[in-house]
Amino acid sequence: MKELETRVVDIDVEKVRETLINLGAKKVKEEYQINNIYDFEDNRLLNAKGYARIRITDDRLNNKEVVYMTTKKMLSQGTFKVMEENETIVEDKEAAAKIYISLGLVLKESIKKYRESYKIMDSLVEIDINDKSFCPFPYLEIETTSEEKLKEILELLGYSIEDTTSKTIYELLEERGLAKNNKGKGL
């Protein structure tokens, strides 16, 4: 599956949340996540702007834990970051980790994040707040199908296309001098 996404960084979380609610956007996710990022020792996936991940979610809307096993690879990076994503829900997070390890991957990083997601205009608008030790600024991720729809959503939220970036979190952290030890460029 291809995923078109872009970001707006340094958002006012309360203002965005209030705007989405006032627009009638439907809250579809409220979760705490642990994102375990896997790669080979030489970081070949992250250096190619991809990764393997096991995401453990504490789904607050449905009061359950859901575990996803995912691979992502960047296909292009313009207005949107276009990613090839392969993802499945797994029953056993320990078995999932063992599968990656048996393929020669190692756990590179474990990132904690809070995410709230809203559906609006057949698109997904996500408020992401990472553990401050990883990423100190909140941001929006917008997944949609066209630049026209993106512009419309941005305008409704008080932003413009100039406020967006297709840069990965690692690229943004590096740009701001906040990258710890530059694990890669895939997120």
C-alpha atoms as a PDB file:
ATOM      1  CA  MET A   1       0.000   0.000   0.000  1.00  0.00           C
ATOM      2  CA  LYS A   2       1.223   3.523  -0.795  1.00  0.00           C
ATOM      3  CA  GLU A   3       0.851   6.201   1.823  1.00  0.00           C
ATOM      4  CA  LEU A   4       0.888   9.962   1.018  1.00  0.00           C
ATOM      5  CA  GLU A   5       1.744  11.989   4.086  1.00  0.00           C
ATOM      6  CA  THR A   6       3.056  15.385   5.067  1.00  0.00           C
ATOM      7  CA  ARG A   7       3.712  17.161   8.365  1.00  0.00           C
ATOM      8  CA  VAL A   8       3.158  20.496  10.042  1.00  0.00           C
ATOM      9  CA  VAL A   9       5.568  20.929  12.944  1.00  0.00           C
ATOM     10  CA  ASP A  10       5.452  23.050  16.114  1.00  0.00           C
ATOM     11  CA  ILE A  11       1.673  23.041  16.262  1.00  0.00           C
ATOM     12  CA  ASP A  12      -0.573  24.436  18.984  1.00  0.00           C
ATOM     13  CA  VAL A  13      -2.125  21.116  20.029  1.00  0.00           C
ATOM     14  CA  GLU A  14      -5.147  22.589  21.839  1.00  0.00           C
ATOM     15  CA  LYS A  15      -5.985  24.948  18.972  1.00  0.00           C
ATOM     16  CA  VAL A  16      -5.737  22.171  16.354  1.00  0.00           C
ATOM     17  CA  ARG A  17      -7.799  19.771  18.476  1.00  0.00           C
ATOM     18  CA  GLU A  18     -10.485  22.419  19.067  1.00  0.00           C
ATOM     19  CA  THR A  19     -10.586  23.296  15.343  1.00  0.00           C
ATOM     20  CA  LEU A  20     -10.942  19.646  14.325  1.00  0.00           C
ATOM     21  CA  ILE A  21     -13.770  19.104  16.824  1.00  0.00           C
ATOM     22  CA  ASN A  22     -15.543  22.303  15.682  1.00  0.00           C
ATOM     23  CA  LEU A  23     -15.258  21.132  12.048  1.00  0.00           C
ATOM     24  CA  GLY A  24     -17.010  17.894  12.995  1.00  0.00           C
ATOM     25  CA  ALA A  25     -13.967  15.686  12.415  1.00  0.00           C
ATOM     26  CA  LYS A  26     -14.446  12.198  13.837  1.00  0.00           C
ATOM     27  CA  LYS A  27     -11.889  11.047  16.411  1.00  0.00           C
ATOM     28  CA  VAL A  28     -10.776   7.594  15.262  1.00  0.00           C
ATOM     29  CA  LYS A  29      -7.701   7.039  17.458  1.00  0.00           C
ATOM     30  CA  GLU A  30      -6.435   7.991  20.863  1.00  0.00           C
ATOM     31  CA  GLU A  31      -3.455   5.903  21.802  1.00  0.00           C
ATOM     32  CA  TYR A  32      -0.145   5.665  23.521  1.00  0.00           C
ATOM     33  CA  GLN A  33       2.429   3.904  21.385  1.00  0.00           C
ATOM     34  CA  ILE A  34       5.764   2.218  21.793  1.00  0.00           C
ATOM     35  CA  ASN A  35       7.465   2.108  18.397  1.00  0.00           C
ATOM     36  CA  ASN A  36      10.333  -0.375  18.305  1.00  0.00           C
ATOM     37  CA  ILE A  37      12.459   0.374  15.237  1.00  0.00           C
ATOM     38  CA  TYR A  38      14.523  -2.455  13.750  1.00  0.00           C
ATOM     39  CA  ASP A  39      17.266  -2.402  11.153  1.00  0.00           C
ATOM     40  CA  PHE A  40      20.404  -4.285  10.205  1.00  0.00           C
ATOM     41  CA  GLU A  41      23.615  -3.459  12.100  1.00  0.00           C
ATOM     42  CA  ASP A  42      24.756  -1.232   9.202  1.00  0.00           C
ATOM     43  CA  ASN A  43      21.482   0.810   9.227  1.00  0.00           C
ATOM     44  CA  ARG A  44      20.820   0.035   5.570  1.00  0.00           C
ATOM     45  CA  LEU A  45      17.030   0.365   5.948  1.00  0.00           C
ATOM     46  CA  LEU A  46      17.104   3.661   7.841  1.00  0.00           C
ATOM     47  CA  ASN A  47      19.795   5.093   5.558  1.00  0.00           C
ATOM     48  CA  ALA A  48      17.512   4.301   2.601  1.00  0.00           C
ATOM     49  CA  LYS A  49      14.637   6.067   4.467  1.00  0.00           C
ATOM     50  CA  GLY A  50      12.882   2.888   5.471  1.00  0.00           C
ATOM     51  CA  TYR A  51      12.569   0.664   8.518  1.00  0.00           C
ATOM     52  CA  ALA A  52      11.001  -2.342  10.153  1.00  0.00           C
ATOM     53  CA  ARG A  53       8.811  -1.598  13.170  1.00  0.00           C
ATOM     54  CA  ILE A  54       6.802  -3.253  15.893  1.00  0.00           C
ATOM     55  CA  ARG A  55       4.226  -0.806  17.257  1.00  0.00           C
ATOM     56  CA  ILE A  56       2.532  -1.616  20.557  1.00  0.00           C
ATOM     57  CA  THR A  57      -0.539   0.562  21.051  1.00  0.00           C
ATOM     58  CA  ASP A  58      -2.576   1.215  24.140  1.00  0.00           C
ATOM     59  CA  ASP A  59      -5.849   1.957  22.316  1.00  0.00           C
ATOM     60  CA  ARG A  60      -7.763   4.320  24.654  1.00  0.00           C
ATOM     61  CA  LEU A  61     -10.921   4.479  22.534  1.00  0.00           C
ATOM     62  CA  ASN A  62     -11.424   0.700  22.579  1.00  0.00           C
ATOM     63  CA  ASN A  63      -9.553  -0.081  25.804  1.00  0.00           C
ATOM     64  CA  LYS A  64      -7.250  -2.735  24.318  1.00  0.00           C
ATOM     65  CA  GLU A  65      -3.680  -3.373  23.264  1.00  0.00           C
ATOM     66  CA  VAL A  66      -3.013  -3.797  19.547  1.00  0.00           C
ATOM     67  CA  VAL A  67       0.372  -4.791  18.113  1.00  0.00           C
ATOM     68  CA  TYR A  68       1.378  -4.013  14.520  1.00  0.00           C
ATOM     69  CA  MET A  69       4.310  -5.401  12.565  1.00  0.00           C
ATOM     70  CA  THR A  70       5.309  -3.016   9.773  1.00  0.00           C
ATOM     71  CA  THR A  71       7.891  -2.315   7.100  1.00  0.00           C
ATOM     72  CA  LYS A  72       8.140   1.060   5.385  1.00  0.00           C
ATOM     73  CA  LYS A  73      10.228   2.304   2.497  1.00  0.00           C
ATOM     74  CA  MET A  74      10.265   5.834   1.110  1.00  0.00           C
ATOM     75  CA  LEU A  75       9.394   5.984  -2.585  1.00  0.00           C
ATOM     76  CA  SER A  76       9.581   9.773  -3.056  1.00  0.00           C
ATOM     77  CA  GLN A  77       9.760  12.994  -1.090  1.00  0.00           C
ATOM     78  CA  GLY A  78       8.126  16.134  -2.573  1.00  0.00           C
ATOM     79  CA  THR A  79       5.067  17.916  -1.178  1.00  0.00           C
ATOM     80  CA  PHE A  80       4.188  14.495   0.209  1.00  0.00           C
ATOM     81  CA  LYS A  81       6.355  11.789   1.596  1.00  0.00           C
ATOM     82  CA  VAL A  82       5.274   8.755  -0.452  1.00  0.00           C
ATOM     83  CA  MET A  83       5.901   5.538   1.467  1.00  0.00           C
ATOM     84  CA  GLU A  84       5.391   1.897   0.615  1.00  0.00           C
ATOM     85  CA  GLU A  85       3.880   0.408   3.759  1.00  0.00           C
ATOM     86  CA  ASN A  86       3.261  -3.222   4.605  1.00  0.00           C
ATOM     87  CA  GLU A  87       1.551  -3.751   7.929  1.00  0.00           C
ATOM     88  CA  THR A  88      -0.318  -6.464   9.798  1.00  0.00           C
ATOM     89  CA  ILE A  89      -1.743  -6.899  13.281  1.00  0.00           C
ATOM     90  CA  VAL A  90       0.070  -9.605  15.240  1.00  0.00           C
ATOM     91  CA  GLU A  91      -1.033 -11.555  18.286  1.00  0.00           C
ATOM     92  CA  ASP A  92       2.360 -11.987  19.927  1.00  0.00           C
ATOM     93  CA  LYS A  93       4.786  -9.032  20.207  1.00  0.00           C
ATOM     94  CA  GLU A  94       7.607 -11.276  21.461  1.00  0.00           C
ATOM     95  CA  ALA A  95       7.258 -13.604  18.463  1.00  0.00           C
ATOM     96  CA  ALA A  96       7.218 -10.569  16.140  1.00  0.00           C
ATOM     97  CA  ALA A  97      10.501  -9.335  17.642  1.00  0.00           C
ATOM     98  CA  LYS A  98      12.014 -12.813  17.261  1.00  0.00           C
ATOM     99  CA  ILE A  99      11.031 -12.871  13.575  1.00  0.00           C
ATOM    100  CA  TYR A 100      12.894  -9.604  12.929  1.00  0.00           C
ATOM    101  CA  ILE A 101      15.896 -10.798  14.953  1.00  0.00           C
ATOM    102  CA  SER A 102      15.965 -14.130  13.100  1.00  0.00           C
ATOM    103  CA  LEU A 103      16.197 -12.151   9.837  1.00  0.00           C
ATOM    104  CA  GLY A 104      19.303 -10.375  11.149  1.00  0.00           C
ATOM    105  CA  LEU A 105      17.640  -7.175  12.302  1.00  0.00           C
ATOM    106  CA  VAL A 106      18.433  -5.549  15.645  1.00  0.00           C
ATOM    107  CA  LEU A 107      16.404  -3.197  17.808  1.00  0.00           C
ATOM    108  CA  LYS A 108      17.753   0.280  17.056  1.00  0.00           C
ATOM    109  CA  GLU A 109      15.400   2.470  19.030  1.00  0.00           C
ATOM    110  CA  SER A 110      12.262   2.396  21.147  1.00  0.00           C
ATOM    111  CA  ILE A 111      10.172   5.570  20.805  1.00  0.00           C
ATOM    112  CA  LYS A 112       7.167   6.472  22.955  1.00  0.00           C
ATOM    113  CA  LYS A 113       4.426   8.623  21.466  1.00  0.00           C
ATOM    114  CA  TYR A 114       0.883   9.840  22.120  1.00  0.00           C
ATOM    115  CA  ARG A 115      -1.310  10.018  19.009  1.00  0.00           C
ATOM    116  CA  GLU A 116      -4.789  11.387  18.422  1.00  0.00           C
ATOM    117  CA  SER A 117      -6.259  10.839  14.948  1.00  0.00           C
ATOM    118  CA  TYR A 118      -9.242  12.430  13.246  1.00  0.00           C
ATOM    119  CA  LYS A 119     -11.049  11.620   9.993  1.00  0.00           C
ATOM    120  CA  ILE A 120     -12.027  14.615   7.894  1.00  0.00           C
ATOM    121  CA  MET A 121     -12.729  14.840   4.148  1.00  0.00           C
ATOM    122  CA  ASP A 122     -11.733  11.190   3.640  1.00  0.00           C
ATOM    123  CA  SER A 123      -8.315  12.040   5.081  1.00  0.00           C
ATOM    124  CA  LEU A 124      -6.517  11.360   8.342  1.00  0.00           C
ATOM    125  CA  VAL A 125      -5.198  14.191  10.523  1.00  0.00           C
ATOM    126  CA  GLU A 126      -2.991  12.985  13.363  1.00  0.00           C
ATOM    127  CA  ILE A 127      -1.678  14.930  16.333  1.00  0.00           C
ATOM    128  CA  ASP A 128       1.613  13.386  17.448  1.00  0.00           C
ATOM    129  CA  ILE A 129       3.348  14.134  20.729  1.00  0.00           C
ATOM    130  CA  ASN A 130       6.551  12.139  21.145  1.00  0.00           C
ATOM    131  CA  ASP A 131       8.459  11.526  24.334  1.00  0.00           C
ATOM    132  CA  LYS A 132      10.384  14.807  24.740  1.00  0.00           C
ATOM    133  CA  SER A 133      13.693  12.947  24.975  1.00  0.00           C
ATOM    134  CA  PHE A 134      13.202  11.859  21.344  1.00  0.00           C
ATOM    135  CA  CYS A 135      11.324  14.786  19.734  1.00  0.00           C
ATOM    136  CA  PRO A 136      10.497  17.895  21.810  1.00  0.00           C
ATOM    137  CA  PHE A 137       7.938  19.443  19.436  1.00  0.00           C
ATOM    138  CA  PRO A 138       4.368  18.317  18.627  1.00  0.00           C
ATOM    139  CA  TYR A 139       3.335  17.952  14.995  1.00  0.00           C
ATOM    140  CA  LEU A 140       0.520  17.020  12.654  1.00  0.00           C
ATOM    141  CA  GLU A 141       0.710  14.228  10.147  1.00  0.00           C
ATOM    142  CA  ILE A 142      -1.820  14.506   7.356  1.00  0.00           C
ATOM    143  CA  GLU A 143      -2.526  11.494   5.143  1.00  0.00           C
ATOM    144  CA  THR A 144      -4.636  12.296   2.113  1.00  0.00           C
ATOM    145  CA  THR A 145      -5.025  11.462  -1.571  1.00  0.00           C
ATOM    146  CA  SER A 146      -4.247  14.719  -3.374  1.00  0.00           C
ATOM    147  CA  GLU A 147      -2.559  18.087  -3.056  1.00  0.00           C
ATOM    148  CA  GLU A 148      -5.926  19.826  -3.556  1.00  0.00           C
ATOM    149  CA  LYS A 149      -7.455  17.993  -0.606  1.00  0.00           C
ATOM    150  CA  LEU A 150      -4.334  18.709   1.467  1.00  0.00           C
ATOM    151  CA  LYS A 151      -4.596  22.446   0.729  1.00  0.00           C
ATOM    152  CA  GLU A 152      -8.275  22.435   1.723  1.00  0.00           C
ATOM    153  CA  ILE A 153      -7.599  20.658   5.027  1.00  0.00           C
ATOM    154  CA  LEU A 154      -4.647  22.923   5.811  1.00  0.00           C
ATOM    155  CA  GLU A 155      -6.753  26.025   5.191  1.00  0.00           C
ATOM    156  CA  LEU A 156      -9.480  24.728   7.515  1.00  0.00           C
ATOM    157  CA  LEU A 157      -6.814  24.211  10.215  1.00  0.00           C
ATOM    158  CA  GLY A 158      -5.284  27.667   9.705  1.00  0.00           C
ATOM    159  CA  TYR A 159      -2.181  26.536   7.813  1.00  0.00           C
ATOM    160  CA  SER A 160      -0.963  26.678   4.216  1.00  0.00           C
ATOM    161  CA  ILE A 161       1.076  24.374   1.990  1.00  0.00           C
ATOM    162  CA  GLU A 162       4.148  26.468   2.922  1.00  0.00           C
ATOM    163  CA  ASP A 163       3.744  25.283   6.533  1.00  0.00           C
ATOM    164  CA  THR A 164       4.184  21.633   5.532  1.00  0.00           C
ATOM    165  CA  THR A 165       7.234  19.440   5.209  1.00  0.00           C
ATOM    166  CA  SER A 166       7.823  15.979   3.833  1.00  0.00           C
ATOM    167  CA  LYS A 167      11.026  15.692   5.863  1.00  0.00           C
ATOM    168  CA  THR A 168      11.335  12.727   8.167  1.00  0.00           C
ATOM    169  CA  ILE A 169      11.457  13.234  11.924  1.00  0.00           C
ATOM    170  CA  TYR A 170      15.153  12.349  11.870  1.00  0.00           C
ATOM    171  CA  GLU A 171      15.801  15.006   9.206  1.00  0.00           C
ATOM    172  CA  LEU A 172      13.882  17.610  11.242  1.00  0.00           C
ATOM    173  CA  LEU A 173      15.757  16.705  14.430  1.00  0.00           C
ATOM    174  CA  GLU A 174      19.107  16.844  12.607  1.00  0.00           C
ATOM    175  CA  GLU A 175      18.203  20.215  11.058  1.00  0.00           C
ATOM    176  CA  ARG A 176      17.487  21.609  14.549  1.00  0.00           C
ATOM    177  CA  GLY A 177      20.621  20.114  16.074  1.00  0.00           C
ATOM    178  CA  LEU A 178      18.534  17.702  18.154  1.00  0.00           C
ATOM    179  CA  ALA A 179      19.532  14.382  16.552  1.00  0.00           C
ATOM    180  CA  LYS A 180      21.049  12.155  19.221  1.00  0.00           C
ATOM    181  CA  ASN A 181      23.218   9.847  17.157  1.00  0.00           C
ATOM    182  CA  ASN A 182      21.421   9.957  13.803  1.00  0.00           C
ATOM    183  CA  LYS A 183      20.113   6.419  13.700  1.00  0.00           C
ATOM    184  CA  GLY A 184      18.852   7.002  10.183  1.00  0.00           C
ATOM    185  CA  LYS A 185      16.447   9.053   8.159  1.00  0.00           C
ATOM    186  CA  GLY A 186      13.383   6.866   7.762  1.00  0.00           C
ATOM    187  CA  LEU A 187      10.718   8.131  10.178  1.00  0.00           C
END
